[in-house]
Amino acid sequence: TFWTPNVNIFRDPRWGRGQETYGEDPFLTSRMGVNFVKGLQGDD
């Protein structure tokens, strides 16, 4: 049970945990996050 991915929005570049995210844009974050989850959880 993995506590990943971090799909918070990197709204301010001063945030130290922004490195864990997919950046500042909600659309890009959504597309990368959706594909990460699908790959991790598998298609069985």
All heavy atoms as atom14 arrays in JSON, in Angstrom:
{
  "sequence": "TFWTPNVNIFRDPRWGRGQETYGEDPFLTSRMGVNFVKGLQGDD",
  "atom14_mask": [
    [1, 1, 1, 1, 1, 1, 1, 0, 0, 0, 0, 0, 0, 0],
    [1, 1, 1, 1, 1, 1, 1, 1, 1, 1, 1, 0, 0, 0],
    [1, 1, 1, 1, 1, 1, 1, 1, 1, 1, 1, 1, 1, 1],
    [1, 1, 1, 1, 1, 1, 1, 0, 0, 0, 0, 0, 0, 0],
    [1, 1, 1, 1, 1, 1, 1, 0, 0, 0, 0, 0, 0, 0],
    [1, 1, 1, 1, 1, 1, 1, 1, 0, 0, 0, 0, 0, 0],
    [1, 1, 1, 1, 1, 1, 1, 0, 0, 0, 0, 0, 0, 0],
    [1, 1, 1, 1, 1, 1, 1, 1, 0, 0, 0, 0, 0, 0],
    [1, 1, 1, 1, 1, 1, 1, 1, 0, 0, 0, 0, 0, 0],
    [1, 1, 1, 1, 1, 1, 1, 1, 1, 1, 1, 0, 0, 0],
    [1, 1, 1, 1, 1, 1, 1, 1, 1, 1, 1, 0, 0, 0],
    [1, 1, 1, 1, 1, 1, 1, 1, 0, 0, 0, 0, 0, 0],
    [1, 1, 1, 1, 1, 1, 1, 0, 0, 0, 0, 0, 0, 0],
    [1, 1, 1, 1, 1, 1, 1, 1, 1, 1, 1, 0, 0, 0],
    [1, 1, 1, 1, 1, 1, 1, 1, 1, 1, 1, 1, 1, 1],
    [1, 1, 1, 1, 0, 0, 0, 0, 0, 0, 0, 0, 0, 0],
    [1, 1, 1, 1, 1, 1, 1, 1, 1, 1, 1, 0, 0, 0],
    [1, 1, 1, 1, 0, 0, 0, 0, 0, 0, 0, 0, 0, 0],
    [1, 1, 1, 1, 1, 1, 1, 1, 1, 0, 0, 0, 0, 0],
    [1, 1, 1, 1, 1, 1, 1, 1, 1, 0, 0, 0, 0, 0],
    [1, 1, 1, 1, 1, 1, 1, 0, 0, 0, 0, 0, 0, 0],
    [1, 1, 1, 1, 1, 1, 1, 1, 1, 1, 1, 1, 0, 0],
    [1, 1, 1, 1, 0, 0, 0, 0, 0, 0, 0, 0, 0, 0],
    [1, 1, 1, 1, 1, 1, 1, 1, 1, 0, 0, 0, 0, 0],
    [1, 1, 1, 1, 1, 1, 1, 1, 0, 0, 0, 0, 0, 0],
    [1, 1, 1, 1, 1, 1, 1, 0, 0, 0, 0, 0, 0, 0],
    [1, 1, 1, 1, 1, 1, 1, 1, 1, 1, 1, 0, 0, 0],
    [1, 1, 1, 1, 1, 1, 1, 1, 0, 0, 0, 0, 0, 0],
    [1, 1, 1, 1, 1, 1, 1, 0, 0, 0, 0, 0, 0, 0],
    [1, 1, 1, 1, 1, 1, 0, 0, 0, 0, 0, 0, 0, 0],
    [1, 1, 1, 1, 1, 1, 1, 1, 1, 1, 1, 0, 0, 0],
    [1, 1, 1, 1, 1, 1, 1, 1, 0, 0, 0, 0, 0, 0],
    [1, 1, 1, 1, 0, 0, 0, 0, 0, 0, 0, 0, 0, 0],
    [1, 1, 1, 1, 1, 1, 1, 0, 0, 0, 0, 0, 0, 0],
    [1, 1, 1, 1, 1, 1, 1, 1, 0, 0, 0, 0, 0, 0],
    [1, 1, 1, 1, 1, 1, 1, 1, 1, 1, 1, 0, 0, 0],
    [1, 1, 1, 1, 1, 1, 1, 0, 0, 0, 0, 0, 0, 0],
    [1, 1, 1, 1, 1, 1, 1, 1, 1, 0, 0, 0, 0, 0],
    [1, 1, 1, 1, 0, 0, 0, 0, 0, 0, 0, 0, 0, 0],
    [1, 1, 1, 1, 1, 1, 1, 1, 0, 0, 0, 0, 0, 0],
    [1, 1, 1, 1, 1, 1, 1, 1, 1, 0, 0, 0, 0, 0],
    [1, 1, 1, 1, 0, 0, 0, 0, 0, 0, 0, 0, 0, 0],
    [1, 1, 1, 1, 1, 1, 1, 1, 0, 0, 0, 0, 0, 0],
    [1, 1, 1, 1, 1, 1, 1, 1, 0, 0, 0, 0, 0, 0]
  ],
  "atom14_positions": [
    [[0.86, -1.18, 0.0], [0.0, 0.0, 0.0], [0.9, 1.23, 0.0], [1.45, 1.61, 1.03], [-0.92, 0.0, 1.22], [-0.15, -0.34, 2.4], [-2.03, -1.03, 1.06], [0.0, 0.0, 0.0], [0.0, 0.0, 0.0], [0.0, 0.0, 0.0], [0.0, 0.0, 0.0], [0.0, 0.0, 0.0], [0.0, 0.0, 0.0], [0.0, 0.0, 0.0]],
    [[1.04, 1.84, -1.16], [2.01, 2.91, -1.33], [1.36, 4.28, -1.23], [0.35, 4.53, -1.91], [2.73, 2.75, -2.67], [3.64, 1.56, -2.68], [3.25, 0.38, -3.3], [4.87, 1.6, -2.05], [4.08, -0.73, -3.31], [5.7, 0.49, -2.04], [5.31, -0.68, -2.66], [0.0, 0.0, 0.0], [0.0, 0.0, 0.0], [0.0, 0.0, 0.0]],
    [[1.95, 5.15, -0.43], [1.43, 6.5, -0.24], [2.05, 7.43, -1.28], [2.82, 8.34, -0.99], [1.67, 6.93, 1.21], [0.85, 6.09, 2.16], [-0.18, 5.24, 1.82], [0.97, 5.98, 3.57], [-0.7, 4.63, 2.94], [-0.02, 5.06, 4.03], [1.82, 6.57, 4.51], [-0.17, 4.73, 5.38], [1.66, 6.24, 5.85], [0.67, 5.33, 6.28]],
    [[1.65, 7.16, -2.49], [2.17, 7.82, -3.71], [1.06, 7.74, -4.76], [0.35, 6.72, -4.8], [3.41, 7.06, -4.22], [4.42, 7.07, -3.23], [3.94, 7.67, -5.49], [0.0, 0.0, 0.0], [0.0, 0.0, 0.0], [0.0, 0.0, 0.0], [0.0, 0.0, 0.0], [0.0, 0.0, 0.0], [0.0, 0.0, 0.0], [0.0, 0.0, 0.0]],
    [[0.86, 8.74, -5.62], [1.69, 9.92, -5.85], [1.22, 11.16, -5.11], [0.09, 11.22, -4.63], [1.53, 10.12, -7.36], [0.11, 9.69, -7.63], [-0.13, 8.52, -6.69], [0.0, 0.0, 0.0], [0.0, 0.0, 0.0], [0.0, 0.0, 0.0], [0.0, 0.0, 0.0], [0.0, 0.0, 0.0], [0.0, 0.0, 0.0], [0.0, 0.0, 0.0]],
    [[2.1, 12.14, -5.05], [1.79, 13.45, -4.5], [1.28, 14.33, -5.64], [2.05, 14.72, -6.51], [3.05, 14.07, -3.87], [2.8, 15.41, -3.21], [1.82, 16.09, -3.48], [3.7, 15.81, -2.34], [0.0, 0.0, 0.0], [0.0, 0.0, 0.0], [0.0, 0.0, 0.0], [0.0, 0.0, 0.0], [0.0, 0.0, 0.0], [0.0, 0.0, 0.0]],
    [[-0.02, 14.6, -5.64], [-0.6, 15.41, -6.72], [-1.03, 16.79, -6.23], [-1.91, 17.43, -6.8], [-1.78, 14.68, -7.42], [-1.28, 13.51, -8.22], [-2.84, 14.24, -6.42], [0.0, 0.0, 0.0], [0.0, 0.0, 0.0], [0.0, 0.0, 0.0], [0.0, 0.0, 0.0], [0.0, 0.0, 0.0], [0.0, 0.0, 0.0], [0.0, 0.0, 0.0]],
    [[-0.4, 17.25, -5.15], [-0.58, 18.65, -4.77], [0.0, 19.55, -5.85], [0.91, 19.17, -6.58], [0.1, 18.95, -3.44], [-0.57, 18.25, -2.27], [0.09, 17.62, -1.46], [-1.89, 18.35, -2.18], [0.0, 0.0, 0.0], [0.0, 0.0, 0.0], [0.0, 0.0, 0.0], [0.0, 0.0, 0.0], [0.0, 0.0, 0.0], [0.0, 0.0, 0.0]],
    [[-0.54, 20.75, -5.96], [-0.08, 21.7, -6.96], [1.1, 22.5, -6.4], [1.02, 23.05, -5.3], [-1.22, 22.65, -7.38], [-2.34, 21.83, -8.05], [-0.72, 23.73, -8.32], [-1.94, 21.05, -9.27], [0.0, 0.0, 0.0], [0.0, 0.0, 0.0], [0.0, 0.0, 0.0], [0.0, 0.0, 0.0], [0.0, 0.0, 0.0], [0.0, 0.0, 0.0]],
    [[2.17, 22.55, -7.17], [3.39, 23.28, -6.78], [3.12, 24.77, -7.01], [3.7, 25.39, -7.89], [4.55, 22.76, -7.63], [5.93, 23.03, -7.08], [7.03, 22.5, -7.75], [6.15, 23.77, -5.95], [8.32, 22.71, -7.29], [7.42, 24.0, -5.46], [8.51, 23.47, -6.14], [0.0, 0.0, 0.0], [0.0, 0.0, 0.0], [0.0, 0.0, 0.0]],
    [[2.22, 25.32, -6.2], [1.73, 26.68, -6.43], [2.78, 27.73, -6.13], [2.72, 28.84, -6.65], [0.5, 26.94, -5.55], [0.86, 26.95, -4.09], [-0.2, 27.28, -3.09], [0.41, 27.18, -1.79], [0.91, 28.21, -1.11], [0.81, 29.43, -1.59], [1.5, 28.02, 0.05], [0.0, 0.0, 0.0], [0.0, 0.0, 0.0], [0.0, 0.0, 0.0]],
    [[3.73, 27.41, -5.24], [4.75, 28.37, -4.85], [6.1, 27.67, -4.87], [6.28, 26.65, -4.19], [4.47, 28.93, -3.45], [5.34, 30.13, -3.11], [6.58, 29.97, -3.07], [4.79, 31.22, -2.89], [0.0, 0.0, 0.0], [0.0, 0.0, 0.0], [0.0, 0.0, 0.0], [0.0, 0.0, 0.0], [0.0, 0.0, 0.0], [0.0, 0.0, 0.0]],
    [[7.07, 28.2, -5.64], [8.34, 27.48, -5.81], [9.2, 27.4, -4.55], [10.21, 26.71, -4.55], [9.05, 28.27, -6.91], [8.43, 29.62, -6.89], [7.01, 29.4, -6.48], [0.0, 0.0, 0.0], [0.0, 0.0, 0.0], [0.0, 0.0, 0.0], [0.0, 0.0, 0.0], [0.0, 0.0, 0.0], [0.0, 0.0, 0.0], [0.0, 0.0, 0.0]],
    [[8.77, 28.08, -3.48], [9.54, 28.01, -2.24], [9.26, 26.74, -1.45], [9.98, 26.43, -0.49], [9.23, 29.25, -1.38], [9.82, 30.52, -1.94], [9.25, 31.77, -1.3], [7.89, 32.06, -1.75], [7.32, 33.26, -1.66], [7.98, 34.27, -1.14], [6.08, 33.45, -2.1], [0.0, 0.0, 0.0], [0.0, 0.0, 0.0], [0.0, 0.0, 0.0]],
    [[8.22, 26.0, -1.82], [7.84, 24.8, -1.06], [8.88, 23.71, -1.27], [9.11, 23.25, -2.4], [6.47, 24.32, -1.51], [5.92, 23.2, -0.68], [6.1, 22.98, 0.65], [5.07, 22.14, -1.15], [5.42, 21.86, 1.05], [4.79, 21.32, -0.03], [4.52, 21.82, -2.39], [3.97, 20.18, -0.13], [3.71, 20.7, -2.49], [3.44, 19.89, -1.37]],
    [[9.48, 23.24, -0.19], [10.52, 22.23, -0.27], [10.07, 20.9, -0.8], [10.87, 20.13, -1.35], [0.0, 0.0, 0.0], [0.0, 0.0, 0.0], [0.0, 0.0, 0.0], [0.0, 0.0, 0.0], [0.0, 0.0, 0.0], [0.0, 0.0, 0.0], [0.0, 0.0, 0.0], [0.0, 0.0, 0.0], [0.0, 0.0, 0.0], [0.0, 0.0, 0.0]],
    [[8.78, 20.59, -0.63], [8.27, 19.3, -1.1], [7.74, 19.37, -2.53], [7.22, 18.37, -3.04], [7.17, 18.78, -0.17], [7.65, 18.49, 1.23], [6.59, 17.75, 2.05], [6.43, 16.37, 1.62], [5.56, 15.52, 2.18], [4.77, 15.92, 3.16], [5.49, 14.27, 1.76], [0.0, 0.0, 0.0], [0.0, 0.0, 0.0], [0.0, 0.0, 0.0]],
    [[7.87, 20.53, -3.15], [7.41, 20.64, -4.53], [8.09, 19.64, -5.45], [7.53, 19.24, -6.47], [0.0, 0.0, 0.0], [0.0, 0.0, 0.0], [0.0, 0.0, 0.0], [0.0, 0.0, 0.0], [0.0, 0.0, 0.0], [0.0, 0.0, 0.0], [0.0, 0.0, 0.0], [0.0, 0.0, 0.0], [0.0, 0.0, 0.0], [0.0, 0.0, 0.0]],
    [[9.31, 19.22, -5.09], [10.02, 18.21, -5.88], [9.25, 16.91, -6.0], [9.46, 16.14, -6.94], [11.38, 17.93, -5.26], [11.32, 17.35, -3.85], [12.67, 16.97, -3.3], [13.26, 15.99, -3.73], [13.17, 17.75, -2.35], [0.0, 0.0, 0.0], [0.0, 0.0, 0.0], [0.0, 0.0, 0.0], [0.0, 0.0, 0.0], [0.0, 0.0, 0.0]],
    [[8.35, 16.64, -5.05], [7.58, 15.39, -5.05], [6.39, 15.45, -6.0], [5.73, 14.42, -6.23], [7.04, 15.1, -3.65], [8.09, 14.98, -2.57], [7.44, 14.88, -1.19], [6.29, 14.4, -1.11], [8.08, 15.28, -0.21], [0.0, 0.0, 0.0], [0.0, 0.0, 0.0], [0.0, 0.0, 0.0], [0.0, 0.0, 0.0], [0.0, 0.0, 0.0]],
    [[6.08, 16.64, -6.52], [4.87, 16.83, -7.31], [5.17, 16.78, -8.8], [6.32, 16.69, -9.23], [4.22, 18.18, -6.97], [4.98, 19.25, -7.6], [4.17, 18.41, -5.47], [0.0, 0.0, 0.0], [0.0, 0.0, 0.0], [0.0, 0.0, 0.0], [0.0, 0.0, 0.0], [0.0, 0.0, 0.0], [0.0, 0.0, 0.0], [0.0, 0.0, 0.0]],
    [[4.1, 16.93, -9.59], [4.24, 17.02, -11.04], [4.13, 18.46, -11.53], [3.81, 18.7, -12.7], [3.2, 16.13, -11.72], [3.32, 14.67, -11.34], [2.23, 13.97, -10.83], [4.52, 13.99, -11.47], [2.34, 12.63, -10.47], [4.64, 12.66, -11.11], [3.54, 11.98, -10.61], [3.66, 10.65, -10.25], [0.0, 0.0, 0.0], [0.0, 0.0, 0.0]],
    [[4.42, 19.42, -10.64], [4.52, 20.8, -11.07], [3.33, 21.66, -10.73], [2.49, 21.32, -9.89], [0.0, 0.0, 0.0], [0.0, 0.0, 0.0], [0.0, 0.0, 0.0], [0.0, 0.0, 0.0], [0.0, 0.0, 0.0], [0.0, 0.0, 0.0], [0.0, 0.0, 0.0], [0.0, 0.0, 0.0], [0.0, 0.0, 0.0], [0.0, 0.0, 0.0]],
    [[3.24, 22.81, -11.42], [2.29, 23.85, -11.05], [0.96, 23.77, -11.77], [0.03, 24.51, -11.43], [2.91, 25.22, -11.3], [3.05, 25.6, -12.77], [3.76, 26.94, -12.96], [4.56, 27.32, -12.09], [3.51, 27.59, -13.99], [0.0, 0.0, 0.0], [0.0, 0.0, 0.0], [0.0, 0.0, 0.0], [0.0, 0.0, 0.0], [0.0, 0.0, 0.0]],
    [[0.83, 22.93, -12.75], [-0.36, 22.94, -13.6], [-1.29, 21.78, -13.27], [-0.86, 20.62, -13.24], [0.03, 22.85, -15.07], [-1.18, 22.92, -15.97], [-1.73, 24.02, -16.11], [-1.6, 21.87, -16.49], [0.0, 0.0, 0.0], [0.0, 0.0, 0.0], [0.0, 0.0, 0.0], [0.0, 0.0, 0.0], [0.0, 0.0, 0.0], [0.0, 0.0, 0.0]],
    [[-2.58, 22.05, -13.04], [-3.51, 20.96, -12.69], [-3.73, 19.95, -13.8], [-3.94, 18.76, -13.52], [-4.81, 21.69, -12.32], [-4.66, 23.07, -12.86], [-3.22, 23.37, -12.93], [0.0, 0.0, 0.0], [0.0, 0.0, 0.0], [0.0, 0.0, 0.0], [0.0, 0.0, 0.0], [0.0, 0.0, 0.0], [0.0, 0.0, 0.0], [0.0, 0.0, 0.0]],
    [[-3.67, 20.38, -15.06], [-3.88, 19.43, -16.16], [-2.7, 18.49, -16.29], [-2.86, 17.27, -16.39], [-4.13, 20.18, -17.47], [-4.39, 19.26, -18.64], [-5.65, 18.71, -18.84], [-3.38, 18.94, -19.53], [-5.89, 17.85, -19.92], [-3.61, 18.1, -20.61], [-4.87, 17.55, -20.79], [0.0, 0.0, 0.0], [0.0, 0.0, 0.0], [0.0, 0.0, 0.0]],
    [[-1.49, 19.04, -16.33], [-0.29, 18.19, -16.41], [-0.23, 17.24, -15.22], [0.06, 16.04, -15.37], [0.97, 19.05, -16.46], [2.3, 18.29, -16.43], [2.45, 17.4, -17.66], [3.47, 19.26, -16.32], [0.0, 0.0, 0.0], [0.0, 0.0, 0.0], [0.0, 0.0, 0.0], [0.0, 0.0, 0.0], [0.0, 0.0, 0.0], [0.0, 0.0, 0.0]],
    [[-0.51, 17.76, -14.02], [-0.48, 16.93, -12.83], [-1.49, 15.8, -12.94], [-1.2, 14.65, -12.57], [-0.78, 17.79, -11.58], [0.24, 18.8, -11.46], [-0.8, 16.95, -10.31], [0.0, 0.0, 0.0], [0.0, 0.0, 0.0], [0.0, 0.0, 0.0], [0.0, 0.0, 0.0], [0.0, 0.0, 0.0], [0.0, 0.0, 0.0], [0.0, 0.0, 0.0]],
    [[-2.67, 16.11, -13.45], [-3.71, 15.07, -13.61], [-3.26, 13.97, -14.55], [-3.38, 12.78, -14.25], [-5.0, 15.71, -14.15], [-5.51, 16.66, -13.25], [0.0, 0.0, 0.0], [0.0, 0.0, 0.0], [0.0, 0.0, 0.0], [0.0, 0.0, 0.0], [0.0, 0.0, 0.0], [0.0, 0.0, 0.0], [0.0, 0.0, 0.0], [0.0, 0.0, 0.0]],
    [[-2.72, 14.36, -15.72], [-2.36, 13.36, -16.72], [-1.2, 12.48, -16.25], [-1.21, 11.26, -16.44], [-1.98, 14.02, -18.05], [-3.03, 14.89, -18.71], [-4.47, 14.48, -18.53], [-4.69, 13.06, -18.82], [-5.69, 12.36, -18.31], [-6.54, 12.91, -17.47], [-5.85, 11.1, -18.62], [0.0, 0.0, 0.0], [0.0, 0.0, 0.0], [0.0, 0.0, 0.0]],
    [[-0.19, 13.09, -15.65], [0.94, 12.29, -15.16], [0.49, 11.42, -13.99], [0.87, 10.25, -13.88], [2.09, 13.2, -14.75], [2.62, 14.09, -15.87], [3.23, 13.19, -17.32], [4.87, 12.74, -16.76], [0.0, 0.0, 0.0], [0.0, 0.0, 0.0], [0.0, 0.0, 0.0], [0.0, 0.0, 0.0], [0.0, 0.0, 0.0], [0.0, 0.0, 0.0]],
    [[-0.33, 11.98, -13.09], [-0.8, 11.23, -11.93], [-1.68, 10.06, -12.3], [-1.54, 8.96, -11.75], [0.0, 0.0, 0.0], [0.0, 0.0, 0.0], [0.0, 0.0, 0.0], [0.0, 0.0, 0.0], [0.0, 0.0, 0.0], [0.0, 0.0, 0.0], [0.0, 0.0, 0.0], [0.0, 0.0, 0.0], [0.0, 0.0, 0.0], [0.0, 0.0, 0.0]],
    [[-2.6, 10.26, -13.24], [-3.49, 9.18, -13.68], [-2.68, 8.02, -14.24], [-2.92, 6.84, -13.91], [-4.5, 9.7, -14.73], [-5.11, 8.55, -15.53], [-5.59, 10.52, -14.06], [0.0, 0.0, 0.0], [0.0, 0.0, 0.0], [0.0, 0.0, 0.0], [0.0, 0.0, 0.0], [0.0, 0.0, 0.0], [0.0, 0.0, 0.0], [0.0, 0.0, 0.0]],
    [[-1.7, 8.32, -15.06], [-0.91, 7.25, -15.67], [0.0, 6.57, -14.66], [0.24, 5.36, -14.75], [-0.12, 7.81, -16.84], [-0.97, 7.98, -18.08], [-1.23, 7.03, -18.8], [-1.45, 9.19, -18.31], [0.0, 0.0, 0.0], [0.0, 0.0, 0.0], [0.0, 0.0, 0.0], [0.0, 0.0, 0.0], [0.0, 0.0, 0.0], [0.0, 0.0, 0.0]],
    [[0.5, 7.33, -13.68], [1.3, 6.7, -12.63], [0.45, 5.7, -11.84], [0.89, 4.57, -11.57], [1.89, 7.76, -11.69], [2.89, 7.2, -10.72], [4.24, 7.25, -11.01], [2.49, 6.6, -9.53], [5.18, 6.71, -10.12], [3.4, 6.07, -8.64], [4.76, 6.13, -8.94], [0.0, 0.0, 0.0], [0.0, 0.0, 0.0], [0.0, 0.0, 0.0]],
    [[-0.75, 6.1, -11.46], [-1.62, 5.22, -10.69], [-1.99, 3.97, -11.49], [-1.94, 2.85, -10.98], [-2.89, 5.97, -10.23], [-3.92, 5.01, -9.65], [-2.53, 7.04, -9.2], [0.0, 0.0, 0.0], [0.0, 0.0, 0.0], [0.0, 0.0, 0.0], [0.0, 0.0, 0.0], [0.0, 0.0, 0.0], [0.0, 0.0, 0.0], [0.0, 0.0, 0.0]],
    [[-2.36, 4.16, -12.74], [-2.75, 3.01, -13.56], [-1.6, 2.01, -13.7], [-1.81, 0.79, -13.61], [-3.21, 3.48, -14.94], [-4.58, 4.13, -14.95], [-4.99, 4.52, -16.36], [-6.42, 5.04, -16.41], [-6.84, 5.42, -17.78], [0.0, 0.0, 0.0], [0.0, 0.0, 0.0], [0.0, 0.0, 0.0], [0.0, 0.0, 0.0], [0.0, 0.0, 0.0]],
    [[-0.4, 2.51, -13.92], [0.74, 1.61, -14.06], [1.06, 0.89, -12.77], [1.35, -0.31, -12.76], [0.0, 0.0, 0.0], [0.0, 0.0, 0.0], [0.0, 0.0, 0.0], [0.0, 0.0, 0.0], [0.0, 0.0, 0.0], [0.0, 0.0, 0.0], [0.0, 0.0, 0.0], [0.0, 0.0, 0.0], [0.0, 0.0, 0.0], [0.0, 0.0, 0.0]],
    [[1.02, 1.6, -11.65], [1.36, 1.01, -10.36], [0.34, -0.05, -9.95], [0.72, -1.14, -9.5], [1.44, 2.09, -9.29], [1.89, 1.64, -7.9], [3.34, 1.18, -7.92], [1.7, 2.75, -6.88], [0.0, 0.0, 0.0], [0.0, 0.0, 0.0], [0.0, 0.0, 0.0], [0.0, 0.0, 0.0], [0.0, 0.0, 0.0], [0.0, 0.0, 0.0]],
    [[-0.93, 0.26, -10.12], [-1.98, -0.66, -9.66], [-2.17, -1.84, -10.61], [-2.69, -2.89, -10.2], [-3.29, 0.09, -9.45], [-3.19, 1.1, -8.32], [-4.52, 1.7, -7.88], [-4.61, 2.27, -6.81], [-5.57, 1.57, -8.66], [0.0, 0.0, 0.0], [0.0, 0.0, 0.0], [0.0, 0.0, 0.0], [0.0, 0.0, 0.0], [0.0, 0.0, 0.0]],
    [[-1.74, -1.7, -11.85], [-1.82, -2.81, -12.79], [-3.18, -2.94, -13.43], [-4.13, -2.24, -13.09], [0.0, 0.0, 0.0], [0.0, 0.0, 0.0], [0.0, 0.0, 0.0], [0.0, 0.0, 0.0], [0.0, 0.0, 0.0], [0.0, 0.0, 0.0], [0.0, 0.0, 0.0], [0.0, 0.0, 0.0], [0.0, 0.0, 0.0], [0.0, 0.0, 0.0]],
    [[-3.27, -3.86, -14.37], [-4.5, -4.01, -15.14], [-5.16, -5.38, -14.96], [-5.98, -5.79, -15.77], [-4.24, -3.76, -16.62], [-3.15, -4.67, -17.19], [-2.68, -5.58, -16.47], [-2.79, -4.47, -18.37], [0.0, 0.0, 0.0], [0.0, 0.0, 0.0], [0.0, 0.0, 0.0], [0.0, 0.0, 0.0], [0.0, 0.0, 0.0], [0.0, 0.0, 0.0]],
    [[-4.78, -6.1, -13.9], [-5.45, -7.37, -13.66], [-6.91, -7.1, -13.28], [-7.19, -6.22, -12.47], [-4.75, -8.13, -12.51], [-5.31, -9.53, -12.35], [-4.82, -10.44, -13.04], [-6.25, -9.7, -11.54], [0.0, 0.0, 0.0], [0.0, 0.0, 0.0], [0.0, 0.0, 0.0], [0.0, 0.0, 0.0], [0.0, 0.0, 0.0], [0.0, 0.0, 0.0]]
  ]
}
